[in-house]
Amino acid sequence: MDLVTKRKWDSAAATFDLMGGYGPEKRWGPRKREFFSHMRGRVLFLAVGTGLDIPFFPPERDIVGIDISAGMLEKARPRAAAYGDTLELRELDVHDLDYPDHSFDQVYTSCTFCSVPDPVRGLERLRRALKPGGELRMFEHTRSRYFPFNLMLNLMTPLSRRVGPEMNRDTVANVSRAGFERVEVRSVYLDVVKQIRAVAPAAA
């Protein structure tokens, strides 16, 4: 387990809801409810954090939510309990994902791959955990191609990575590098916030 990253997010857990639970979640709530409405089969949800996304999940889905931070998971447990016993939480680093290959029908992420230390390796591990033809669905903020947003994100990243996310990750390209196919991108806000859908290769 990446202990540096774990400690960073354990430290952030106490104030995470204050920073992310009001403005951002209320703003993106309707979009996320639609985004999660496509959950089907056995679902892996990466970086469940304090569980702010759980109220947007459709009911009675078979979901495993993982996070590297025990502090974050402690905050998430009441929200998971309110969802029901079809949602399991585990402390786990995506780089050390211990599920057998082809364990899940879908993987979901929500503002996650701005913070994974080795994003391509993490995505490769998720691809292996998916069944052939399984779906990766991501709601992510990414780098921008357009001025002045690209300049702003590049300037913000050296500071933001100390406390959490990198603001200028090329997540769409990383998905392709990790071996996913049929990568589809839908812009949610300018070209910064995106929904990404990709498919694990049919041949294992």
N, C-alpha and C. Protein backbone atom coordinates (compact mmCIF):
# COMPACT_ATOMS: atom_id res chain seq x y z
N MET A 1 0.85 -1.20 0.00
CA MET A 1 0.00 0.00 0.00
C MET A 1 0.88 1.25 0.00
N ASP A 2 0.46 2.25 -0.76
CA ASP A 2 1.17 3.53 -0.82
C ASP A 2 0.87 4.32 0.45
N LEU A 3 1.78 4.27 1.41
CA LEU A 3 1.53 4.87 2.72
C LEU A 3 1.52 6.39 2.67
N VAL A 4 2.28 6.98 1.75
CA VAL A 4 2.27 8.44 1.61
C VAL A 4 0.88 8.91 1.19
N THR A 5 0.33 8.26 0.19
CA THR A 5 -1.01 8.63 -0.28
C THR A 5 -2.05 8.33 0.79
N LYS A 6 -1.93 7.21 1.46
CA LYS A 6 -2.86 6.87 2.53
C LYS A 6 -2.87 7.94 3.61
N ARG A 7 -1.70 8.38 4.05
CA ARG A 7 -1.62 9.40 5.10
C ARG A 7 -2.22 10.72 4.62
N LYS A 8 -1.98 11.06 3.35
CA LYS A 8 -2.52 12.31 2.81
C LYS A 8 -4.05 12.32 2.91
N TRP A 9 -4.68 11.22 2.52
CA TRP A 9 -6.14 11.19 2.52
C TRP A 9 -6.70 10.94 3.90
N ASP A 10 -5.97 10.23 4.76
CA ASP A 10 -6.40 10.14 6.16
C ASP A 10 -6.44 11.53 6.79
N SER A 11 -5.44 12.36 6.48
CA SER A 11 -5.41 13.73 7.02
C SER A 11 -6.54 14.58 6.48
N ALA A 12 -6.93 14.32 5.23
CA ALA A 12 -7.99 15.12 4.60
C ALA A 12 -9.39 14.72 5.04
N ALA A 13 -9.53 13.54 5.65
CA ALA A 13 -10.86 12.99 5.93
C ALA A 13 -11.68 13.89 6.84
N ALA A 14 -11.04 14.52 7.83
CA ALA A 14 -11.79 15.30 8.82
C ALA A 14 -12.53 16.48 8.20
N THR A 15 -11.95 17.08 7.16
CA THR A 15 -12.56 18.27 6.55
C THR A 15 -13.09 18.03 5.15
N PHE A 16 -13.05 16.78 4.69
CA PHE A 16 -13.40 16.50 3.30
C PHE A 16 -14.85 16.86 2.99
N ASP A 17 -15.77 16.52 3.88
CA ASP A 17 -17.17 16.83 3.62
C ASP A 17 -17.42 18.33 3.59
N LEU A 18 -16.72 19.06 4.43
CA LEU A 18 -16.87 20.51 4.45
C LEU A 18 -16.43 21.13 3.13
N MET A 19 -15.33 20.59 2.56
CA MET A 19 -14.79 21.13 1.32
C MET A 19 -15.58 20.67 0.10
N GLY A 20 -16.04 19.40 0.12
CA GLY A 20 -16.62 18.83 -1.09
C GLY A 20 -18.09 18.48 -1.01
N GLY A 21 -18.70 18.61 0.17
CA GLY A 21 -20.03 18.08 0.33
C GLY A 21 -21.17 19.04 0.10
N TYR A 22 -20.88 20.29 -0.16
CA TYR A 22 -21.95 21.27 -0.30
C TYR A 22 -21.98 21.83 -1.72
N GLY A 23 -21.08 22.75 -2.03
CA GLY A 23 -21.08 23.32 -3.37
C GLY A 23 -20.89 22.29 -4.47
N PRO A 24 -19.74 21.58 -4.49
CA PRO A 24 -19.49 20.66 -5.60
C PRO A 24 -20.53 19.56 -5.75
N GLU A 25 -20.92 18.91 -4.63
CA GLU A 25 -21.86 17.80 -4.75
C GLU A 25 -23.25 18.28 -5.14
N LYS A 26 -23.66 19.43 -4.63
CA LYS A 26 -24.96 19.95 -5.03
C LYS A 26 -24.96 20.35 -6.50
N ARG A 27 -23.83 20.89 -6.95
CA ARG A 27 -23.74 21.31 -8.35
C ARG A 27 -23.80 20.11 -9.29
N TRP A 28 -23.07 19.06 -8.97
CA TRP A 28 -22.97 17.92 -9.86
C TRP A 28 -23.98 16.81 -9.53
N GLY A 29 -24.77 17.01 -8.48
CA GLY A 29 -25.69 15.95 -8.05
C GLY A 29 -26.56 15.39 -9.16
N PRO A 30 -27.31 16.22 -9.91
CA PRO A 30 -28.16 15.66 -10.97
C PRO A 30 -27.36 14.91 -12.04
N ARG A 31 -26.19 15.44 -12.39
CA ARG A 31 -25.37 14.76 -13.39
C ARG A 31 -24.89 13.40 -12.86
N LYS A 32 -24.50 13.39 -11.58
CA LYS A 32 -24.01 12.13 -11.02
C LYS A 32 -25.14 11.10 -10.87
N ARG A 33 -26.32 11.55 -10.52
CA ARG A 33 -27.43 10.61 -10.42
C ARG A 33 -27.67 9.92 -11.76
N GLU A 34 -27.62 10.70 -12.84
CA GLU A 34 -27.77 10.10 -14.17
C GLU A 34 -26.60 9.19 -14.50
N PHE A 35 -25.39 9.63 -14.15
CA PHE A 35 -24.17 8.86 -14.40
C PHE A 35 -24.23 7.49 -13.73
N PHE A 36 -24.61 7.45 -12.47
CA PHE A 36 -24.66 6.18 -11.73
C PHE A 36 -25.87 5.33 -12.09
N SER A 37 -26.85 5.91 -12.76
CA SER A 37 -28.06 5.15 -13.09
C SER A 37 -27.78 3.96 -14.00
N HIS A 38 -26.59 3.93 -14.62
CA HIS A 38 -26.26 2.84 -15.55
C HIS A 38 -25.58 1.67 -14.85
N MET A 39 -25.48 1.71 -13.52
CA MET A 39 -24.85 0.60 -12.79
C MET A 39 -25.62 -0.69 -13.03
N ARG A 40 -24.87 -1.75 -13.30
CA ARG A 40 -25.49 -3.06 -13.52
C ARG A 40 -24.48 -4.14 -13.15
N GLY A 41 -24.98 -5.32 -12.84
CA GLY A 41 -24.10 -6.44 -12.51
C GLY A 41 -23.32 -6.17 -11.24
N ARG A 42 -22.13 -6.76 -11.15
CA ARG A 42 -21.26 -6.54 -10.00
C ARG A 42 -20.38 -5.33 -10.30
N VAL A 43 -20.41 -4.34 -9.43
CA VAL A 43 -19.79 -3.04 -9.68
C VAL A 43 -18.68 -2.81 -8.66
N LEU A 44 -17.52 -2.36 -9.16
CA LEU A 44 -16.45 -1.87 -8.29
C LEU A 44 -16.44 -0.36 -8.37
N PHE A 45 -16.56 0.30 -7.21
CA PHE A 45 -16.50 1.76 -7.15
C PHE A 45 -15.19 2.14 -6.48
N LEU A 46 -14.35 2.82 -7.22
CA LEU A 46 -13.02 3.16 -6.75
C LEU A 46 -13.00 4.50 -6.04
N ALA A 47 -12.34 4.53 -4.88
CA ALA A 47 -12.16 5.75 -4.08
C ALA A 47 -13.50 6.29 -3.60
N VAL A 48 -14.16 5.51 -2.78
CA VAL A 48 -15.47 5.88 -2.26
C VAL A 48 -15.38 7.07 -1.32
N GLY A 49 -14.18 7.36 -0.79
CA GLY A 49 -14.00 8.52 0.06
C GLY A 49 -14.90 8.48 1.29
N THR A 50 -15.52 9.62 1.61
CA THR A 50 -16.44 9.68 2.74
C THR A 50 -17.86 9.28 2.36
N GLY A 51 -18.03 8.82 1.13
CA GLY A 51 -19.34 8.32 0.70
C GLY A 51 -20.28 9.37 0.16
N LEU A 52 -19.75 10.53 -0.24
CA LEU A 52 -20.63 11.59 -0.74
C LEU A 52 -21.41 11.17 -1.99
N ASP A 53 -20.86 10.23 -2.77
CA ASP A 53 -21.56 9.80 -3.98
C ASP A 53 -22.63 8.75 -3.71
N ILE A 54 -22.58 8.12 -2.56
CA ILE A 54 -23.49 6.99 -2.29
C ILE A 54 -24.96 7.37 -2.43
N PRO A 55 -25.41 8.54 -1.97
CA PRO A 55 -26.84 8.87 -2.14
C PRO A 55 -27.30 8.96 -3.59
N PHE A 56 -26.36 9.06 -4.52
CA PHE A 56 -26.72 9.13 -5.94
C PHE A 56 -26.76 7.75 -6.60
N PHE A 57 -26.38 6.69 -5.89
CA PHE A 57 -26.41 5.35 -6.47
C PHE A 57 -27.86 4.88 -6.62
N PRO A 58 -28.17 4.17 -7.69
CA PRO A 58 -29.49 3.55 -7.77
C PRO A 58 -29.62 2.45 -6.72
N PRO A 59 -30.82 2.17 -6.26
CA PRO A 59 -30.97 1.22 -5.14
C PRO A 59 -30.67 -0.23 -5.54
N GLU A 60 -30.25 -1.00 -4.54
CA GLU A 60 -30.15 -2.45 -4.63
C GLU A 60 -29.20 -2.92 -5.72
N ARG A 61 -28.10 -2.20 -5.90
CA ARG A 61 -27.05 -2.67 -6.79
C ARG A 61 -25.98 -3.40 -5.97
N ASP A 62 -25.27 -4.31 -6.62
CA ASP A 62 -24.21 -5.10 -5.98
C ASP A 62 -22.90 -4.34 -6.16
N ILE A 63 -22.46 -3.62 -5.13
CA ILE A 63 -21.35 -2.67 -5.25
C ILE A 63 -20.30 -2.96 -4.19
N VAL A 64 -19.03 -2.95 -4.61
CA VAL A 64 -17.90 -2.95 -3.69
C VAL A 64 -17.24 -1.58 -3.80
N GLY A 65 -17.19 -0.84 -2.70
CA GLY A 65 -16.54 0.46 -2.68
C GLY A 65 -15.21 0.37 -1.96
N ILE A 66 -14.13 0.76 -2.62
CA ILE A 66 -12.81 0.67 -1.99
C ILE A 66 -12.22 2.07 -1.84
N ASP A 67 -11.32 2.19 -0.86
CA ASP A 67 -10.59 3.43 -0.67
C ASP A 67 -9.29 3.11 0.05
N ILE A 68 -8.26 3.88 -0.25
CA ILE A 68 -6.96 3.68 0.38
C ILE A 68 -6.94 4.18 1.82
N SER A 69 -7.89 5.02 2.20
CA SER A 69 -7.88 5.73 3.48
C SER A 69 -8.88 5.15 4.47
N ALA A 70 -8.39 4.65 5.60
CA ALA A 70 -9.27 4.18 6.67
C ALA A 70 -10.09 5.33 7.24
N GLY A 71 -9.48 6.52 7.30
CA GLY A 71 -10.21 7.69 7.80
C GLY A 71 -11.39 8.05 6.93
N MET A 72 -11.20 7.99 5.62
CA MET A 72 -12.31 8.25 4.70
C MET A 72 -13.41 7.19 4.86
N LEU A 73 -13.02 5.94 4.96
CA LEU A 73 -14.01 4.87 5.06
C LEU A 73 -14.82 4.96 6.35
N GLU A 74 -14.18 5.39 7.43
CA GLU A 74 -14.91 5.56 8.68
C GLU A 74 -16.04 6.56 8.50
N LYS A 75 -15.78 7.63 7.77
CA LYS A 75 -16.83 8.62 7.48
C LYS A 75 -17.89 8.06 6.54
N ALA A 76 -17.49 7.15 5.66
CA ALA A 76 -18.42 6.61 4.66
C ALA A 76 -19.37 5.57 5.23
N ARG A 77 -19.02 4.93 6.33
CA ARG A 77 -19.80 3.78 6.80
C ARG A 77 -21.26 4.10 7.09
N PRO A 78 -21.60 5.23 7.72
CA PRO A 78 -23.03 5.51 7.92
C PRO A 78 -23.80 5.65 6.60
N ARG A 79 -23.17 6.24 5.59
CA ARG A 79 -23.84 6.37 4.29
C ARG A 79 -23.98 5.01 3.62
N ALA A 80 -22.98 4.16 3.77
CA ALA A 80 -23.08 2.81 3.23
C ALA A 80 -24.16 2.01 3.94
N ALA A 81 -24.26 2.16 5.26
CA ALA A 81 -25.29 1.45 6.02
C ALA A 81 -26.68 1.91 5.60
N ALA A 82 -26.82 3.20 5.32
CA ALA A 82 -28.12 3.72 4.87
C ALA A 82 -28.48 3.17 3.49
N TYR A 83 -27.48 2.90 2.67
CA TYR A 83 -27.75 2.35 1.33
C TYR A 83 -28.28 0.92 1.44
N GLY A 84 -27.65 0.11 2.29
CA GLY A 84 -28.10 -1.27 2.44
C GLY A 84 -26.95 -2.24 2.36
N ASP A 85 -27.25 -3.51 2.57
CA ASP A 85 -26.20 -4.52 2.70
C ASP A 85 -25.68 -5.04 1.36
N THR A 86 -26.11 -4.43 0.25
CA THR A 86 -25.53 -4.80 -1.05
C THR A 86 -24.34 -3.92 -1.40
N LEU A 87 -23.95 -3.02 -0.47
CA LEU A 87 -22.78 -2.17 -0.66
C LEU A 87 -21.73 -2.55 0.38
N GLU A 88 -20.61 -3.06 -0.09
CA GLU A 88 -19.49 -3.47 0.78
C GLU A 88 -18.37 -2.44 0.68
N LEU A 89 -17.77 -2.07 1.80
CA LEU A 89 -16.63 -1.16 1.83
C LEU A 89 -15.37 -1.93 2.22
N ARG A 90 -14.26 -1.58 1.55
CA ARG A 90 -12.97 -2.20 1.86
C ARG A 90 -11.86 -1.16 1.79
N GLU A 91 -10.88 -1.27 2.68
CA GLU A 91 -9.67 -0.46 2.59
C GLU A 91 -8.71 -1.15 1.64
N LEU A 92 -8.41 -0.51 0.52
CA LEU A 92 -7.61 -1.15 -0.52
C LEU A 92 -7.05 -0.11 -1.46
N ASP A 93 -5.80 -0.29 -1.83
CA ASP A 93 -5.11 0.55 -2.81
C ASP A 93 -5.35 -0.05 -4.20
N VAL A 94 -5.75 0.78 -5.16
CA VAL A 94 -6.02 0.26 -6.50
C VAL A 94 -4.80 -0.43 -7.09
N HIS A 95 -3.59 0.03 -6.75
CA HIS A 95 -2.39 -0.61 -7.29
C HIS A 95 -2.21 -2.03 -6.75
N ASP A 96 -2.84 -2.32 -5.60
CA ASP A 96 -2.73 -3.64 -4.97
C ASP A 96 -4.04 -4.40 -5.06
N LEU A 97 -4.87 -4.09 -6.02
CA LEU A 97 -6.19 -4.71 -6.14
C LEU A 97 -6.06 -6.23 -6.12
N ASP A 98 -6.75 -6.87 -5.19
CA ASP A 98 -6.53 -8.30 -4.97
C ASP A 98 -7.68 -9.17 -5.45
N TYR A 99 -8.60 -8.61 -6.21
CA TYR A 99 -9.67 -9.43 -6.77
C TYR A 99 -9.14 -10.22 -7.97
N PRO A 100 -9.63 -11.43 -8.17
CA PRO A 100 -9.22 -12.19 -9.35
C PRO A 100 -9.59 -11.45 -10.64
N ASP A 101 -8.84 -11.74 -11.68
CA ASP A 101 -9.19 -11.18 -12.99
C ASP A 101 -10.64 -11.51 -13.33
N HIS A 102 -11.29 -10.58 -14.02
CA HIS A 102 -12.64 -10.77 -14.54
C HIS A 102 -13.68 -10.90 -13.43
N SER A 103 -13.50 -10.15 -12.34
CA SER A 103 -14.41 -10.24 -11.20
C SER A 103 -15.63 -9.32 -11.31
N PHE A 104 -15.54 -8.26 -12.12
CA PHE A 104 -16.57 -7.23 -12.10
C PHE A 104 -17.13 -6.98 -13.50
N ASP A 105 -18.41 -6.60 -13.54
CA ASP A 105 -19.05 -6.21 -14.79
C ASP A 105 -18.75 -4.75 -15.14
N GLN A 106 -18.62 -3.91 -14.11
CA GLN A 106 -18.36 -2.49 -14.32
C GLN A 106 -17.41 -1.97 -13.24
N VAL A 107 -16.67 -0.94 -13.61
CA VAL A 107 -15.91 -0.14 -12.65
C VAL A 107 -16.35 1.31 -12.81
N TYR A 108 -16.60 1.95 -11.68
CA TYR A 108 -16.95 3.37 -11.67
C TYR A 108 -15.89 4.15 -10.89
N THR A 109 -15.59 5.36 -11.38
CA THR A 109 -14.75 6.30 -10.64
C THR A 109 -15.42 7.66 -10.67
N SER A 110 -15.15 8.46 -9.64
CA SER A 110 -15.72 9.80 -9.55
C SER A 110 -14.68 10.74 -8.98
N CYS A 111 -14.09 11.56 -9.85
CA CYS A 111 -13.04 12.51 -9.44
C CYS A 111 -11.95 11.79 -8.66
N THR A 112 -11.42 10.76 -9.28
CA THR A 112 -10.48 9.84 -8.63
C THR A 112 -9.11 9.85 -9.28
N PHE A 113 -9.06 9.77 -10.61
CA PHE A 113 -7.77 9.55 -11.26
C PHE A 113 -6.93 10.80 -11.40
N CYS A 114 -7.40 11.89 -10.81
CA CYS A 114 -6.53 13.05 -10.61
C CYS A 114 -5.60 12.81 -9.43
N SER A 115 -5.84 11.76 -8.64
CA SER A 115 -5.11 11.54 -7.40
C SER A 115 -4.37 10.21 -7.32
N VAL A 116 -4.65 9.28 -8.22
CA VAL A 116 -3.95 7.99 -8.19
C VAL A 116 -2.49 8.22 -8.58
N PRO A 117 -1.52 7.80 -7.74
CA PRO A 117 -0.12 8.13 -8.01
C PRO A 117 0.40 7.63 -9.36
N ASP A 118 0.03 6.41 -9.74
CA ASP A 118 0.45 5.85 -11.03
C ASP A 118 -0.82 5.54 -11.82
N PRO A 119 -1.38 6.53 -12.53
CA PRO A 119 -2.71 6.34 -13.10
C PRO A 119 -2.80 5.24 -14.15
N VAL A 120 -1.79 5.08 -14.98
CA VAL A 120 -1.88 4.04 -16.01
C VAL A 120 -1.84 2.66 -15.37
N ARG A 121 -0.96 2.47 -14.39
CA ARG A 121 -0.91 1.17 -13.71
C ARG A 121 -2.21 0.90 -12.97
N GLY A 122 -2.78 1.92 -12.34
CA GLY A 122 -4.06 1.74 -11.68
C GLY A 122 -5.16 1.36 -12.66
N LEU A 123 -5.19 2.01 -13.81
CA LEU A 123 -6.19 1.68 -14.82
C LEU A 123 -5.97 0.28 -15.39
N GLU A 124 -4.73 -0.12 -15.55
CA GLU A 124 -4.45 -1.48 -16.02
C GLU A 124 -4.98 -2.51 -15.04
N ARG A 125 -4.83 -2.22 -13.75
CA ARG A 125 -5.33 -3.16 -12.75
C ARG A 125 -6.85 -3.23 -12.79
N LEU A 126 -7.50 -2.11 -13.01
CA LEU A 126 -8.95 -2.12 -13.15
C LEU A 126 -9.38 -2.89 -14.39
N ARG A 127 -8.65 -2.72 -15.48
CA ARG A 127 -8.98 -3.46 -16.70
C ARG A 127 -8.93 -4.96 -16.46
N ARG A 128 -7.93 -5.42 -15.74
CA ARG A 128 -7.82 -6.86 -15.47
C ARG A 128 -8.94 -7.34 -14.56
N ALA A 129 -9.42 -6.47 -13.68
CA ALA A 129 -10.50 -6.86 -12.77
C ALA A 129 -11.85 -6.94 -13.48
N LEU A 130 -11.97 -6.30 -14.64
CA LEU A 130 -13.21 -6.34 -15.40
C LEU A 130 -13.33 -7.61 -16.22
N LYS A 131 -14.56 -8.07 -16.36
CA LYS A 131 -14.81 -9.16 -17.30
C LYS A 131 -14.54 -8.68 -18.73
N PRO A 132 -14.17 -9.58 -19.64
CA PRO A 132 -14.02 -9.17 -21.03
C PRO A 132 -15.30 -8.47 -21.53
N GLY A 133 -15.13 -7.31 -22.10
CA GLY A 133 -16.28 -6.52 -22.53
C GLY A 133 -16.91 -5.69 -21.43
N GLY A 134 -16.35 -5.76 -20.21
CA GLY A 134 -16.88 -4.97 -19.10
C GLY A 134 -16.60 -3.49 -19.28
N GLU A 135 -17.36 -2.67 -18.56
CA GLU A 135 -17.32 -1.23 -18.75
C GLU A 135 -16.53 -0.52 -17.65
N LEU A 136 -15.78 0.47 -18.06
CA LEU A 136 -15.22 1.48 -17.18
C LEU A 136 -16.00 2.76 -17.41
N ARG A 137 -16.55 3.34 -16.33
CA ARG A 137 -17.27 4.61 -16.42
C ARG A 137 -16.67 5.58 -15.42
N MET A 138 -16.28 6.75 -15.90
CA MET A 138 -15.55 7.72 -15.09
C MET A 138 -16.20 9.09 -15.17
N PHE A 139 -16.28 9.76 -14.03
CA PHE A 139 -16.70 11.16 -13.94
C PHE A 139 -15.48 11.90 -13.39
N GLU A 140 -14.73 12.61 -14.24
CA GLU A 140 -13.41 13.09 -13.86
C GLU A 140 -13.18 14.52 -14.34
N HIS A 141 -12.38 15.24 -13.57
CA HIS A 141 -11.85 16.51 -14.08
C HIS A 141 -10.44 16.25 -14.61
N THR A 142 -10.13 16.85 -15.75
CA THR A 142 -8.93 16.52 -16.49
C THR A 142 -8.26 17.81 -16.99
N ARG A 143 -7.13 17.63 -17.64
CA ARG A 143 -6.48 18.79 -18.25
C ARG A 143 -7.35 19.38 -19.36
N SER A 144 -7.11 20.64 -19.66
CA SER A 144 -7.85 21.32 -20.73
C SER A 144 -6.92 21.58 -21.91
N ARG A 145 -7.50 21.63 -23.08
CA ARG A 145 -6.74 21.98 -24.28
C ARG A 145 -6.74 23.48 -24.54
N TYR A 146 -7.58 24.22 -23.82
CA TYR A 146 -7.86 25.59 -24.20
C TYR A 146 -7.30 26.60 -23.21
N PHE A 147 -6.78 27.68 -23.75
CA PHE A 147 -6.33 28.82 -22.95
C PHE A 147 -7.57 29.63 -22.54
N PRO A 148 -7.65 30.14 -21.29
CA PRO A 148 -6.62 30.16 -20.26
C PRO A 148 -6.70 29.00 -19.28
N PHE A 149 -7.67 28.07 -19.52
CA PHE A 149 -7.88 26.99 -18.55
C PHE A 149 -6.66 26.08 -18.44
N ASN A 150 -6.00 25.80 -19.58
CA ASN A 150 -4.82 24.94 -19.52
C ASN A 150 -3.71 25.58 -18.69
N LEU A 151 -3.51 26.89 -18.85
CA LEU A 151 -2.51 27.59 -18.06
C LEU A 151 -2.87 27.58 -16.57
N MET A 152 -4.13 27.85 -16.25
CA MET A 152 -4.57 27.88 -14.87
C MET A 152 -4.37 26.53 -14.19
N LEU A 153 -4.75 25.45 -14.87
CA LEU A 153 -4.63 24.11 -14.28
C LEU A 153 -3.17 23.72 -14.10
N ASN A 154 -2.33 24.10 -15.05
CA ASN A 154 -0.89 23.80 -14.92
C ASN A 154 -0.28 24.55 -13.74
N LEU A 155 -0.72 25.79 -13.53
CA LEU A 155 -0.19 26.57 -12.41
C LEU A 155 -0.70 26.06 -11.07
N MET A 156 -1.92 25.55 -11.03
CA MET A 156 -2.51 25.08 -9.78
C MET A 156 -1.96 23.73 -9.33
N THR A 157 -1.53 22.90 -10.28
CA THR A 157 -1.19 21.52 -9.96
C THR A 157 -0.06 21.36 -8.95
N PRO A 158 1.06 22.10 -9.03
CA PRO A 158 2.11 21.90 -8.02
C PRO A 158 1.63 22.10 -6.59
N LEU A 159 0.67 23.00 -6.38
CA LEU A 159 0.12 23.20 -5.05
C LEU A 159 -0.93 22.15 -4.71
N SER A 160 -1.83 21.88 -5.66
CA SER A 160 -2.95 20.98 -5.37
C SER A 160 -2.49 19.55 -5.10
N ARG A 161 -1.41 19.10 -5.75
CA ARG A 161 -0.98 17.72 -5.54
C ARG A 161 -0.46 17.48 -4.13
N ARG A 162 -0.09 18.55 -3.40
CA ARG A 162 0.38 18.37 -2.03
C ARG A 162 -0.73 17.95 -1.09
N VAL A 163 -1.95 18.38 -1.38
CA VAL A 163 -3.07 18.08 -0.50
C VAL A 163 -4.06 17.10 -1.12
N GLY A 164 -3.91 16.78 -2.39
CA GLY A 164 -4.87 15.87 -3.01
C GLY A 164 -4.65 15.72 -4.49
N PRO A 165 -5.50 16.34 -5.32
CA PRO A 165 -5.51 16.03 -6.74
C PRO A 165 -4.48 16.80 -7.57
N GLU A 166 -4.13 16.20 -8.70
CA GLU A 166 -3.43 16.92 -9.75
C GLU A 166 -4.48 17.41 -10.75
N MET A 167 -4.41 18.67 -11.10
CA MET A 167 -5.48 19.29 -11.86
C MET A 167 -5.32 19.15 -13.37
N ASN A 168 -4.18 18.67 -13.84
CA ASN A 168 -3.92 18.67 -15.29
C ASN A 168 -3.63 17.28 -15.85
N ARG A 169 -4.20 16.25 -15.26
CA ARG A 169 -4.00 14.89 -15.77
C ARG A 169 -4.69 14.69 -17.12
N ASP A 170 -4.02 13.97 -18.02
CA ASP A 170 -4.62 13.61 -19.31
C ASP A 170 -5.26 12.23 -19.15
N THR A 171 -6.38 12.19 -18.45
CA THR A 171 -7.00 10.92 -18.09
C THR A 171 -7.53 10.18 -19.29
N VAL A 172 -8.04 10.88 -20.29
CA VAL A 172 -8.56 10.19 -21.48
C VAL A 172 -7.43 9.41 -22.16
N ALA A 173 -6.28 10.03 -22.33
CA ALA A 173 -5.14 9.34 -22.94
C ALA A 173 -4.68 8.17 -22.07
N ASN A 174 -4.71 8.35 -20.76
CA ASN A 174 -4.28 7.28 -19.86
C ASN A 174 -5.19 6.05 -19.96
N VAL A 175 -6.47 6.27 -20.18
CA VAL A 175 -7.40 5.14 -20.35
C VAL A 175 -7.00 4.31 -21.57
N SER A 176 -6.68 4.97 -22.66
CA SER A 176 -6.23 4.24 -23.86
C SER A 176 -4.90 3.55 -23.62
N ARG A 177 -3.97 4.23 -22.94
CA ARG A 177 -2.66 3.63 -22.66
C ARG A 177 -2.80 2.36 -21.81
N ALA A 178 -3.82 2.31 -20.98
CA ALA A 178 -4.01 1.17 -20.10
C ALA A 178 -4.66 -0.02 -20.80
N GLY A 179 -4.97 0.13 -22.09
CA GLY A 179 -5.45 -1.01 -22.86
C GLY A 179 -6.95 -1.10 -23.03
N PHE A 180 -7.68 -0.05 -22.63
CA PHE A 180 -9.13 -0.06 -22.85
C PHE A 180 -9.45 0.26 -24.31
N GLU A 181 -10.60 -0.19 -24.75
CA GLU A 181 -11.06 0.03 -26.11
C GLU A 181 -12.31 0.88 -26.12
N ARG A 182 -12.66 1.39 -27.31
CA ARG A 182 -13.91 2.13 -27.53
C ARG A 182 -14.08 3.23 -26.48
N VAL A 183 -13.06 4.06 -26.37
CA VAL A 183 -13.08 5.14 -25.39
C VAL A 183 -13.99 6.26 -25.89
N GLU A 184 -15.04 6.56 -25.13
CA GLU A 184 -15.99 7.61 -25.47
C GLU A 184 -15.92 8.70 -24.42
N VAL A 185 -16.00 9.95 -24.85
CA VAL A 185 -15.88 11.09 -23.93
C VAL A 185 -17.07 12.02 -24.13
N ARG A 186 -17.65 12.42 -23.02
CA ARG A 186 -18.76 13.37 -23.03
C ARG A 186 -18.40 14.51 -22.09
N SER A 187 -18.33 15.72 -22.61
CA SER A 187 -17.98 16.86 -21.78
C SER A 187 -19.16 17.24 -20.90
N VAL A 188 -18.87 17.50 -19.63
CA VAL A 188 -19.87 17.93 -18.67
C VAL A 188 -19.75 19.43 -18.42
N TYR A 189 -18.51 19.90 -18.29
CA TYR A 189 -18.27 21.33 -18.11
C TYR A 189 -17.04 21.71 -18.91
N LEU A 190 -17.25 22.53 -19.96
CA LEU A 190 -16.17 22.88 -20.89
C LEU A 190 -15.49 21.59 -21.33
N ASP A 191 -14.15 21.57 -21.37
CA ASP A 191 -13.47 20.30 -21.65
C ASP A 191 -12.67 19.87 -20.42
N VAL A 192 -13.10 20.32 -19.24
CA VAL A 192 -12.38 20.03 -18.00
C VAL A 192 -13.05 18.87 -17.25
N VAL A 193 -14.35 18.96 -17.02
CA VAL A 193 -15.07 17.87 -16.37
C VAL A 193 -15.69 16.99 -17.46
N LYS A 194 -15.39 15.71 -17.39
CA LYS A 194 -15.79 14.80 -18.45
C LYS A 194 -16.39 13.51 -17.86
N GLN A 195 -17.29 12.92 -18.64
CA GLN A 195 -17.67 11.53 -18.43
C GLN A 195 -16.95 10.70 -19.48
N ILE A 196 -16.29 9.65 -19.03
CA ILE A 196 -15.54 8.76 -19.92
C ILE A 196 -16.11 7.37 -19.81
N ARG A 197 -16.36 6.76 -20.94
CA ARG A 197 -16.80 5.36 -20.97
C ARG A 197 -15.82 4.58 -21.85
N ALA A 198 -15.37 3.43 -21.35
CA ALA A 198 -14.45 2.60 -22.10
C ALA A 198 -14.76 1.13 -21.81
N VAL A 199 -14.23 0.26 -22.63
CA VAL A 199 -14.57 -1.16 -22.57
C VAL A 199 -13.30 -1.99 -22.46
N ALA A 200 -13.32 -2.97 -21.57
CA ALA A 200 -12.20 -3.91 -21.47
C ALA A 200 -12.21 -4.81 -22.71
N PRO A 201 -11.04 -5.14 -23.25
CA PRO A 201 -11.01 -5.97 -24.46
C PRO A 201 -11.74 -7.28 -24.28
N ALA A 202 -12.41 -7.71 -25.35
CA ALA A 202 -13.16 -8.96 -25.27
C ALA A 202 -12.23 -10.16 -25.12
N ALA A 203 -11.02 -10.06 -25.70
CA ALA A 203 -10.05 -11.14 -25.56
C ALA A 203 -9.24 -10.89 -24.29
N ALA A 204 -9.24 -11.83 -23.37
CA ALA A 204 -8.54 -11.67 -22.09
C ALA A 204 -7.06 -11.59 -22.32
